[in-house]
Structures are given as C-alpha cells and as structure tokens.
Amino acid sequence: MAHVVLEIWSTVADSERAAYMDRARERQAALQGLGVSYWIFERSDAPGEMVQYLEARDSARLEEARALVSQLPGEREILLHQLEL
C-alpha cells in the first residue's frame, strides 16, 4: 500500500523556539489520534531550519491530518506520495 507524506518547512527564530516546540507537541498528540505518524527535524548545519513530516497510509487520512493541524505563517508544504517499485 502506498503512503503519502506531507513535508512542512519552517524557519524558527531563537526567540520563538519554545512556542514552536509546544505547537509541535500539540500537533503530535492530535495526529496520534488519527493514526498519522509525525516527526520533526532540525538541519544540523542551519539551526532554526525545521522540517516536519506527517505520514499516512492514504491521501484521505493525510487530508484529515492537514485539516487538523492548521498551517502557521511562513510554513512551506510539500506533498509527496510513495512510488510503487
């Protein structure tokens, strides 16, 4: 079964980091209830450059997740789908 992934990029100032991480924890809790996997990473070579990944088994579930976690100003989304090999 193909998976779909939403990639969300953000640039977070040091002064906004704590609030950003609080928001990420809220997102994680909400997404777990939908059965959607959630990860957040920071670029090692660029502190403050964050990328979040939401992974679902199908497009419908990912759309539910997108509706649940509203986009923050400055976030850039990329929608990816798994290719069958």
PDB file of N, CA and C in Angstrom:
ATOM      1  N   MET A   1       0.847  -1.175   0.000  1.00  0.00           N
ATOM      2  CA  MET A   1       0.000   0.000   0.000  1.00  0.00           C
ATOM      3  C   MET A   1       0.895   1.241   0.000  1.00  0.00           C
ATOM      4  N   ALA A   2       0.625   2.182  -0.886  1.00  0.00           N
ATOM      5  CA  ALA A   2       1.414   3.406  -0.981  1.00  0.00           C
ATOM      6  C   ALA A   2       1.119   4.334   0.197  1.00  0.00           C
ATOM      7  N   HIS A   3       2.129   5.031   0.638  1.00  0.00           N
ATOM      8  CA  HIS A   3       1.988   6.009   1.713  1.00  0.00           C
ATOM      9  C   HIS A   3       2.082   7.404   1.119  1.00  0.00           C
ATOM     10  N   VAL A   4       1.560   8.374   1.856  1.00  0.00           N
ATOM     11  CA  VAL A   4       1.691   9.777   1.482  1.00  0.00           C
ATOM     12  C   VAL A   4       2.338  10.515   2.642  1.00  0.00           C
ATOM     13  N   VAL A   5       3.159  11.500   2.285  1.00  0.00           N
ATOM     14  CA  VAL A   5       3.912  12.257   3.281  1.00  0.00           C
ATOM     15  C   VAL A   5       3.728  13.739   3.004  1.00  0.00           C
ATOM     16  N   LEU A   6       3.498  14.479   4.050  1.00  0.00           N
ATOM     17  CA  LEU A   6       3.478  15.935   3.960  1.00  0.00           C
ATOM     18  C   LEU A   6       4.731  16.444   4.646  1.00  0.00           C
ATOM     19  N   GLU A   7       5.501  17.230   3.924  1.00  0.00           N
ATOM     20  CA  GLU A   7       6.737  17.815   4.443  1.00  0.00           C
ATOM     21  C   GLU A   7       6.452  19.299   4.677  1.00  0.00           C
ATOM     22  N   ILE A   8       6.741  19.778   5.882  1.00  0.00           N
ATOM     23  CA  ILE A   8       6.463  21.179   6.227  1.00  0.00           C
ATOM     24  C   ILE A   8       7.762  21.820   6.708  1.00  0.00           C
ATOM     25  N   TRP A   9       8.237  22.810   5.971  1.00  0.00           N
ATOM     26  CA  TRP A   9       9.474  23.530   6.319  1.00  0.00           C
ATOM     27  C   TRP A   9       9.140  24.835   7.028  1.00  0.00           C
ATOM     28  N   SER A  10       9.944  25.175   8.044  1.00  0.00           N
ATOM     29  CA  SER A  10       9.794  26.417   8.794  1.00  0.00           C
ATOM     30  C   SER A  10      11.162  26.944   9.166  1.00  0.00           C
ATOM     31  N   THR A  11      11.258  28.252   9.266  1.00  0.00           N
ATOM     32  CA  THR A  11      12.438  28.895   9.835  1.00  0.00           C
ATOM     33  C   THR A  11      11.992  29.507  11.158  1.00  0.00           C
ATOM     34  N   VAL A  12      12.635  29.066  12.240  1.00  0.00           N
ATOM     35  CA  VAL A  12      12.201  29.451  13.582  1.00  0.00           C
ATOM     36  C   VAL A  12      13.302  30.262  14.266  1.00  0.00           C
ATOM     37  N   ALA A  13      12.967  31.471  14.677  1.00  0.00           N
ATOM     38  CA  ALA A  13      13.910  32.307  15.415  1.00  0.00           C
ATOM     39  C   ALA A  13      14.113  31.743  16.816  1.00  0.00           C
ATOM     40  N   ASP A  14      15.285  31.976  17.393  1.00  0.00           N
ATOM     41  CA  ASP A  14      15.564  31.504  18.754  1.00  0.00           C
ATOM     42  C   ASP A  14      14.483  31.949  19.729  1.00  0.00           C
ATOM     43  N   SER A  15      14.015  33.179  19.579  1.00  0.00           N
ATOM     44  CA  SER A  15      13.017  33.725  20.500  1.00  0.00           C
ATOM     45  C   SER A  15      11.654  33.027  20.362  1.00  0.00           C
ATOM     46  N   GLU A  16      11.419  32.314  19.255  1.00  0.00           N
ATOM     47  CA  GLU A  16      10.143  31.642  19.023  1.00  0.00           C
ATOM     48  C   GLU A  16      10.237  30.121  19.169  1.00  0.00           C
ATOM     49  N   ARG A  17      11.418  29.641  19.496  1.00  0.00           N
ATOM     50  CA  ARG A  17      11.656  28.193  19.522  1.00  0.00           C
ATOM     51  C   ARG A  17      10.767  27.457  20.534  1.00  0.00           C
ATOM     52  N   ALA A  18      10.644  27.963  21.742  1.00  0.00           N
ATOM     53  CA  ALA A  18       9.847  27.293  22.773  1.00  0.00           C
ATOM     54  C   ALA A  18       8.380  27.188  22.348  1.00  0.00           C
ATOM     55  N   ALA A  19       7.829  28.256  21.815  1.00  0.00           N
ATOM     56  CA  ALA A  19       6.435  28.237  21.364  1.00  0.00           C
ATOM     57  C   ALA A  19       6.266  27.283  20.180  1.00  0.00           C
ATOM     58  N   TYR A  20       7.235  27.252  19.294  1.00  0.00           N
ATOM     59  CA  TYR A  20       7.195  26.344  18.142  1.00  0.00           C
ATOM     60  C   TYR A  20       7.189  24.888  18.597  1.00  0.00           C
ATOM     61  N   MET A  21       8.034  24.561  19.550  1.00  0.00           N
ATOM     62  CA  MET A  21       8.104  23.191  20.048  1.00  0.00           C
ATOM     63  C   MET A  21       6.829  22.808  20.798  1.00  0.00           C
ATOM     64  N   ASP A  22       6.242  23.756  21.538  1.00  0.00           N
ATOM     65  CA  ASP A  22       4.952  23.495  22.187  1.00  0.00           C
ATOM     66  C   ASP A  22       3.892  23.157  21.137  1.00  0.00           C
ATOM     67  N   ARG A  23       3.878  23.920  20.063  1.00  0.00           N
ATOM     68  CA  ARG A  23       2.923  23.693  18.972  1.00  0.00           C
ATOM     69  C   ARG A  23       3.168  22.313  18.333  1.00  0.00           C
ATOM     70  N   ALA A  24       4.432  21.951  18.173  1.00  0.00           N
ATOM     71  CA  ALA A  24       4.772  20.650  17.594  1.00  0.00           C
ATOM     72  C   ALA A  24       4.268  19.514  18.478  1.00  0.00           C
ATOM     73  N   ARG A  25       4.394  19.662  19.786  1.00  0.00           N
ATOM     74  CA  ARG A  25       3.897  18.636  20.708  1.00  0.00           C
ATOM     75  C   ARG A  25       2.372  18.517  20.613  1.00  0.00           C
ATOM     76  N   GLU A  26       1.684  19.653  20.466  1.00  0.00           N
ATOM     77  CA  GLU A  26       0.229  19.638  20.287  1.00  0.00           C
ATOM     78  C   GLU A  26      -0.149  18.919  18.994  1.00  0.00           C
ATOM     79  N   ARG A  27       0.588  19.207  17.925  1.00  0.00           N
ATOM     80  CA  ARG A  27       0.340  18.548  16.645  1.00  0.00           C
ATOM     81  C   ARG A  27       0.527  17.042  16.781  1.00  0.00           C
ATOM     82  N   GLN A  28       1.607  16.641  17.438  1.00  0.00           N
ATOM     83  CA  GLN A  28       1.898  15.217  17.590  1.00  0.00           C
ATOM     84  C   GLN A  28       0.755  14.506  18.314  1.00  0.00           C
ATOM     85  N   ALA A  29       0.271  15.087  19.382  1.00  0.00           N
ATOM     86  CA  ALA A  29      -0.812  14.472  20.151  1.00  0.00           C
ATOM     87  C   ALA A  29      -2.082  14.343  19.305  1.00  0.00           C
ATOM     88  N   ALA A  30      -2.410  15.378  18.560  1.00  0.00           N
ATOM     89  CA  ALA A  30      -3.608  15.351  17.729  1.00  0.00           C
ATOM     90  C   ALA A  30      -3.482  14.320  16.606  1.00  0.00           C
ATOM     91  N   LEU A  31      -2.310  14.227  16.011  1.00  0.00           N
ATOM     92  CA  LEU A  31      -2.106  13.315  14.889  1.00  0.00           C
ATOM     93  C   LEU A  31      -2.071  11.857  15.313  1.00  0.00           C
ATOM     94  N   GLN A  32      -1.580  11.592  16.505  1.00  0.00           N
ATOM     95  CA  GLN A  32      -1.568  10.216  17.002  1.00  0.00           C
ATOM     96  C   GLN A  32      -2.978   9.649  17.044  1.00  0.00           C
ATOM     97  N   GLY A  33      -3.937  10.494  17.399  1.00  0.00           N
ATOM     98  CA  GLY A  33      -5.330  10.068  17.450  1.00  0.00           C
ATOM     99  C   GLY A  33      -5.883   9.670  16.089  1.00  0.00           C
ATOM    100  N   LEU A  34      -5.284  10.194  15.017  1.00  0.00           N
ATOM    101  CA  LEU A  34      -5.712   9.852  13.662  1.00  0.00           C
ATOM    102  C   LEU A  34      -4.930   8.676  13.075  1.00  0.00           C
ATOM    103  N   GLY A  35      -3.925   8.226  13.796  1.00  0.00           N
ATOM    104  CA  GLY A  35      -3.078   7.171  13.261  1.00  0.00           C
ATOM    105  C   GLY A  35      -2.086   7.679  12.238  1.00  0.00           C
ATOM    106  N   VAL A  36      -1.739   8.963  12.338  1.00  0.00           N
ATOM    107  CA  VAL A  36      -0.782   9.593  11.425  1.00  0.00           C
ATOM    108  C   VAL A  36       0.548   9.753  12.149  1.00  0.00           C
ATOM    109  N   SER A  37       1.610   9.310  11.510  1.00  0.00           N
ATOM    110  CA  SER A  37       2.950   9.449  12.098  1.00  0.00           C
ATOM    111  C   SER A  37       3.442  10.879  11.932  1.00  0.00           C
ATOM    112  N   TYR A  38       4.200  11.351  12.926  1.00  0.00           N
ATOM    113  CA  TYR A  38       4.678  12.734  12.923  1.00  0.00           C
ATOM    114  C   TYR A  38       6.108  12.762  13.436  1.00  0.00           C
ATOM    115  N   TRP A  39       6.979  13.431  12.682  1.00  0.00           N
ATOM    116  CA  TRP A  39       8.368  13.633  13.096  1.00  0.00           C
ATOM    117  C   TRP A  39       8.752  15.075  12.836  1.00  0.00           C
ATOM    118  N   ILE A  40       9.691  15.560  13.617  1.00  0.00           N
ATOM    119  CA  ILE A  40      10.232  16.896  13.397  1.00  0.00           C
ATOM    120  C   ILE A  40      11.756  16.815  13.474  1.00  0.00           C
ATOM    121  N   PHE A  41      12.415  17.485  12.542  1.00  0.00           N
ATOM    122  CA  PHE A  41      13.871  17.501  12.460  1.00  0.00           C
ATOM    123  C   PHE A  41      14.350  18.938  12.317  1.00  0.00           C
ATOM    124  N   GLU A  42      15.603  19.151  12.712  1.00  0.00           N
ATOM    125  CA  GLU A  42      16.252  20.445  12.530  1.00  0.00           C
ATOM    126  C   GLU A  42      17.527  20.222  11.729  1.00  0.00           C
ATOM    127  N   ARG A  43      17.776  21.087  10.786  1.00  0.00           N
ATOM    128  CA  ARG A  43      19.005  20.957   9.995  1.00  0.00           C
ATOM    129  C   ARG A  43      20.216  21.118  10.902  1.00  0.00           C
ATOM    130  N   SER A  44      21.153  20.204  10.787  1.00  0.00           N
ATOM    131  CA  SER A  44      22.370  20.253  11.611  1.00  0.00           C
ATOM    132  C   SER A  44      23.237  21.450  11.263  1.00  0.00           C
ATOM    133  N   ASP A  45      23.217  21.856  10.001  1.00  0.00           N
ATOM    134  CA  ASP A  45      24.076  22.954   9.552  1.00  0.00           C
ATOM    135  C   ASP A  45      23.370  24.308   9.554  1.00  0.00           C
ATOM    136  N   ALA A  46      22.109  24.348   9.992  1.00  0.00           N
ATOM    137  CA  ALA A  46      21.346  25.602   9.978  1.00  0.00           C
ATOM    138  C   ALA A  46      20.331  25.600  11.116  1.00  0.00           C
ATOM    139  N   PRO A  47      20.776  25.888  12.334  1.00  0.00           N
ATOM    140  CA  PRO A  47      19.842  25.916  13.468  1.00  0.00           C
ATOM    141  C   PRO A  47      18.642  26.825  13.174  1.00  0.00           C
ATOM    142  N   GLY A  48      17.468  26.321  13.540  1.00  0.00           N
ATOM    143  CA  GLY A  48      16.244  27.078  13.301  1.00  0.00           C
ATOM    144  C   GLY A  48      15.526  26.678  12.023  1.00  0.00           C
ATOM    145  N   GLU A  49      16.211  25.936  11.137  1.00  0.00           N
ATOM    146  CA  GLU A  49      15.566  25.417   9.927  1.00  0.00           C
ATOM    147  C   GLU A  49      14.950  24.074  10.295  1.00  0.00           C
ATOM    148  N   MET A  50      13.631  24.046  10.400  1.00  0.00           N
ATOM    149  CA  MET A  50      12.902  22.870  10.858  1.00  0.00           C
ATOM    150  C   MET A  50      12.124  22.243   9.711  1.00  0.00           C
ATOM    151  N   VAL A  51      12.018  20.924   9.755  1.00  0.00           N
ATOM    152  CA  VAL A  51      11.155  20.219   8.817  1.00  0.00           C
ATOM    153  C   VAL A  51      10.333  19.202   9.607  1.00  0.00           C
ATOM    154  N   GLN A  52       9.045  19.201   9.343  1.00  0.00           N
ATOM    155  CA  GLN A  52       8.123  18.264   9.971  1.00  0.00           C
ATOM    156  C   GLN A  52       7.623  17.314   8.892  1.00  0.00           C
ATOM    157  N   TYR A  53       7.405  16.076   9.283  1.00  0.00           N
ATOM    158  CA  TYR A  53       6.859  15.075   8.369  1.00  0.00           C
ATOM    159  C   TYR A  53       5.607  14.480   8.981  1.00  0.00           C
ATOM    160  N   LEU A  54       4.545  14.446   8.192  1.00  0.00           N
ATOM    161  CA  LEU A  54       3.315  13.753   8.541  1.00  0.00           C
ATOM    162  C   LEU A  54       3.177  12.620   7.539  1.00  0.00           C
ATOM    163  N   GLU A  55       3.014  11.396   8.018  1.00  0.00           N
ATOM    164  CA  GLU A  55       2.901  10.243   7.130  1.00  0.00           C
ATOM    165  C   GLU A  55       1.593   9.512   7.398  1.00  0.00           C
ATOM    166  N   ALA A  56       0.881   9.226   6.317  1.00  0.00           N
ATOM    167  CA  ALA A  56      -0.381   8.494   6.413  1.00  0.00           C
ATOM    168  C   ALA A  56      -0.414   7.390   5.366  1.00  0.00           C
ATOM    169  N   ARG A  57      -1.301   6.430   5.571  1.00  0.00           N
ATOM    170  CA  ARG A  57      -1.423   5.307   4.630  1.00  0.00           C
ATOM    171  C   ARG A  57      -2.121   5.692   3.340  1.00  0.00           C
ATOM    172  N   ASP A  58      -2.914   6.768   3.382  1.00  0.00           N
ATOM    173  CA  ASP A  58      -3.635   7.163   2.169  1.00  0.00           C
ATOM    174  C   ASP A  58      -3.883   8.667   2.168  1.00  0.00           C
ATOM    175  N   SER A  59      -4.254   9.162   1.012  1.00  0.00           N
ATOM    176  CA  SER A  59      -4.466  10.602   0.826  1.00  0.00           C
ATOM    177  C   SER A  59      -5.600  11.143   1.690  1.00  0.00           C
ATOM    178  N   ALA A  60      -6.666  10.363   1.831  1.00  0.00           N
ATOM    179  CA  ALA A  60      -7.811  10.820   2.632  1.00  0.00           C
ATOM    180  C   ALA A  60      -7.403  11.054   4.080  1.00  0.00           C
ATOM    181  N   ARG A  61      -6.620  10.134   4.646  1.00  0.00           N
ATOM    182  CA  ARG A  61      -6.171  10.284   6.032  1.00  0.00           C
ATOM    183  C   ARG A  61      -5.235  11.495   6.163  1.00  0.00           C
ATOM    184  N   LEU A  62      -4.378  11.705   5.186  1.00  0.00           N
ATOM    185  CA  LEU A  62      -3.472  12.852   5.242  1.00  0.00           C
ATOM    186  C   LEU A  62      -4.246  14.158   5.140  1.00  0.00           C
ATOM    187  N   GLU A  63      -5.286  14.183   4.328  1.00  0.00           N
ATOM    188  CA  GLU A  63      -6.118  15.393   4.233  1.00  0.00           C
ATOM    189  C   GLU A  63      -6.809  15.683   5.564  1.00  0.00           C
ATOM    190  N   GLU A  64      -7.238  14.641   6.262  1.00  0.00           N
ATOM    191  CA  GLU A  64      -7.795  14.821   7.612  1.00  0.00           C
ATOM    192  C   GLU A  64      -6.753  15.461   8.525  1.00  0.00           C
ATOM    193  N   ALA A  65      -5.535  14.957   8.434  1.00  0.00           N
ATOM    194  CA  ALA A  65      -4.447  15.477   9.263  1.00  0.00           C
ATOM    195  C   ALA A  65      -4.150  16.930   8.922  1.00  0.00           C
ATOM    196  N   ARG A  66      -4.130  17.262   7.647  1.00  0.00           N
ATOM    197  CA  ARG A  66      -3.867  18.648   7.227  1.00  0.00           C
ATOM    198  C   ARG A  66      -4.931  19.589   7.778  1.00  0.00           C
ATOM    199  N   ALA A  67      -6.177  19.154   7.779  1.00  0.00           N
ATOM    200  CA  ALA A  67      -7.267  19.982   8.298  1.00  0.00           C
ATOM    201  C   ALA A  67      -7.142  20.175   9.809  1.00  0.00           C
ATOM    202  N   LEU A  68      -6.611  19.158  10.478  1.00  0.00           N
ATOM    203  CA  LEU A  68      -6.484  19.202  11.932  1.00  0.00           C
ATOM    204  C   LEU A  68      -5.351  20.127  12.386  1.00  0.00           C
ATOM    205  N   VAL A  69      -4.248  20.120  11.666  1.00  0.00           N
ATOM    206  CA  VAL A  69      -3.091  20.946  12.049  1.00  0.00           C
ATOM    207  C   VAL A  69      -3.013  22.132  11.099  1.00  0.00           C
ATOM    208  N   SER A  70      -3.538  23.249  11.549  1.00  0.00           N
ATOM    209  CA  SER A  70      -3.548  24.424  10.696  1.00  0.00           C
ATOM    210  C   SER A  70      -2.118  24.895  10.428  1.00  0.00           C
ATOM    211  N   GLN A  71      -1.931  25.403   9.239  1.00  0.00           N
ATOM    212  CA  GLN A  71      -0.611  25.868   8.828  1.00  0.00           C
ATOM    213  C   GLN A  71      -0.282  27.189   9.507  1.00  0.00           C
ATOM    214  N   LEU A  72       0.947  27.304   9.970  1.00  0.00           N
ATOM    215  CA  LEU A  72       1.416  28.537  10.597  1.00  0.00           C
ATOM    216  C   LEU A  72       1.992  29.464   9.536  1.00  0.00           C
ATOM    217  N   PRO A  73       1.969  30.780   9.788  1.00  0.00           N
ATOM    218  CA  PRO A  73       2.568  31.705   8.826  1.00  0.00           C
ATOM    219  C   PRO A  73       4.038  31.347   8.572  1.00  0.00           C
ATOM    220  N   GLY A  74       4.422  31.366   7.314  1.00  0.00           N
ATOM    221  CA  GLY A  74       5.806  31.079   6.949  1.00  0.00           C
ATOM    222  C   GLY A  74       6.113  29.614   6.711  1.00  0.00           C
ATOM    223  N   GLU A  75       5.185  28.720   7.017  1.00  0.00           N
ATOM    224  CA  GLU A  75       5.417  27.300   6.755  1.00  0.00           C
ATOM    225  C   GLU A  75       5.226  27.020   5.268  1.00  0.00           C
ATOM    226  N   ARG A  76       6.098  26.164   4.743  1.00  0.00           N
ATOM    227  CA  ARG A  76       6.044  25.786   3.339  1.00  0.00           C
ATOM    228  C   ARG A  76       5.792  24.286   3.254  1.00  0.00           C
ATOM    229  N   GLU A  77       4.741  23.903   2.547  1.00  0.00           N
ATOM    230  CA  GLU A  77       4.341  22.496   2.470  1.00  0.00           C
ATOM    231  C   GLU A  77       4.746  21.870   1.143  1.00  0.00           C
ATOM    232  N   ILE A  78       5.157  20.611   1.207  1.00  0.00           N
ATOM    233  CA  ILE A  78       5.412  19.795   0.025  1.00  0.00           C
ATOM    234  C   ILE A  78       4.702  18.466   0.251  1.00  0.00           C
ATOM    235  N   LEU A  79       3.822  18.091  -0.665  1.00  0.00           N
ATOM    236  CA  LEU A  79       3.091  16.829  -0.570  1.00  0.00           C
ATOM    237  C   LEU A  79       3.797  15.788  -1.428  1.00  0.00           C
ATOM    238  N   LEU A  80       4.104  14.627  -0.836  1.00  0.00           N
ATOM    239  CA  LEU A  80       4.822  13.554  -1.524  1.00  0.00           C
ATOM    240  C   LEU A  80       3.990  12.280  -1.476  1.00  0.00           C
ATOM    241  N   HIS A  81       4.104  11.471  -2.504  1.00  0.00           N
ATOM    242  CA  HIS A  81       3.451  10.157  -2.482  1.00  0.00           C
ATOM    243  C   HIS A  81       4.463   9.099  -2.857  1.00  0.00           C
ATOM    244  N   GLN A  82       4.311   7.936  -2.247  1.00  0.00           N
ATOM    245  CA  GLN A  82       5.233   6.829  -2.451  1.00  0.00           C
ATOM    246  C   GLN A  82       5.007   6.197  -3.826  1.00  0.00           C
ATOM    247  N   LEU A  83       6.087   5.888  -4.489  1.00  0.00           N
ATOM    248  CA  LEU A  83       6.014   5.205  -5.775  1.00  0.00           C
ATOM    249  C   LEU A  83       6.150   3.704  -5.558  1.00  0.00           C
ATOM    250  N   GLU A  84       5.403   2.967  -6.291  1.00  0.00           N
ATOM    251  CA  GLU A  84       5.483   1.516  -6.231  1.00  0.00           C
ATOM    252  C   GLU A  84       6.693   1.057  -7.028  1.00  0.00           C
ATOM    253  N   LEU A  85       7.484   0.168  -6.470  1.00  0.00           N
ATOM    254  CA  LEU A  85       8.662  -0.353  -7.155  1.00  0.00           C
ATOM    255  C   LEU A  85       8.408  -1.748  -7.681  1.00  0.00           C
TER     256      LEU A  85
END
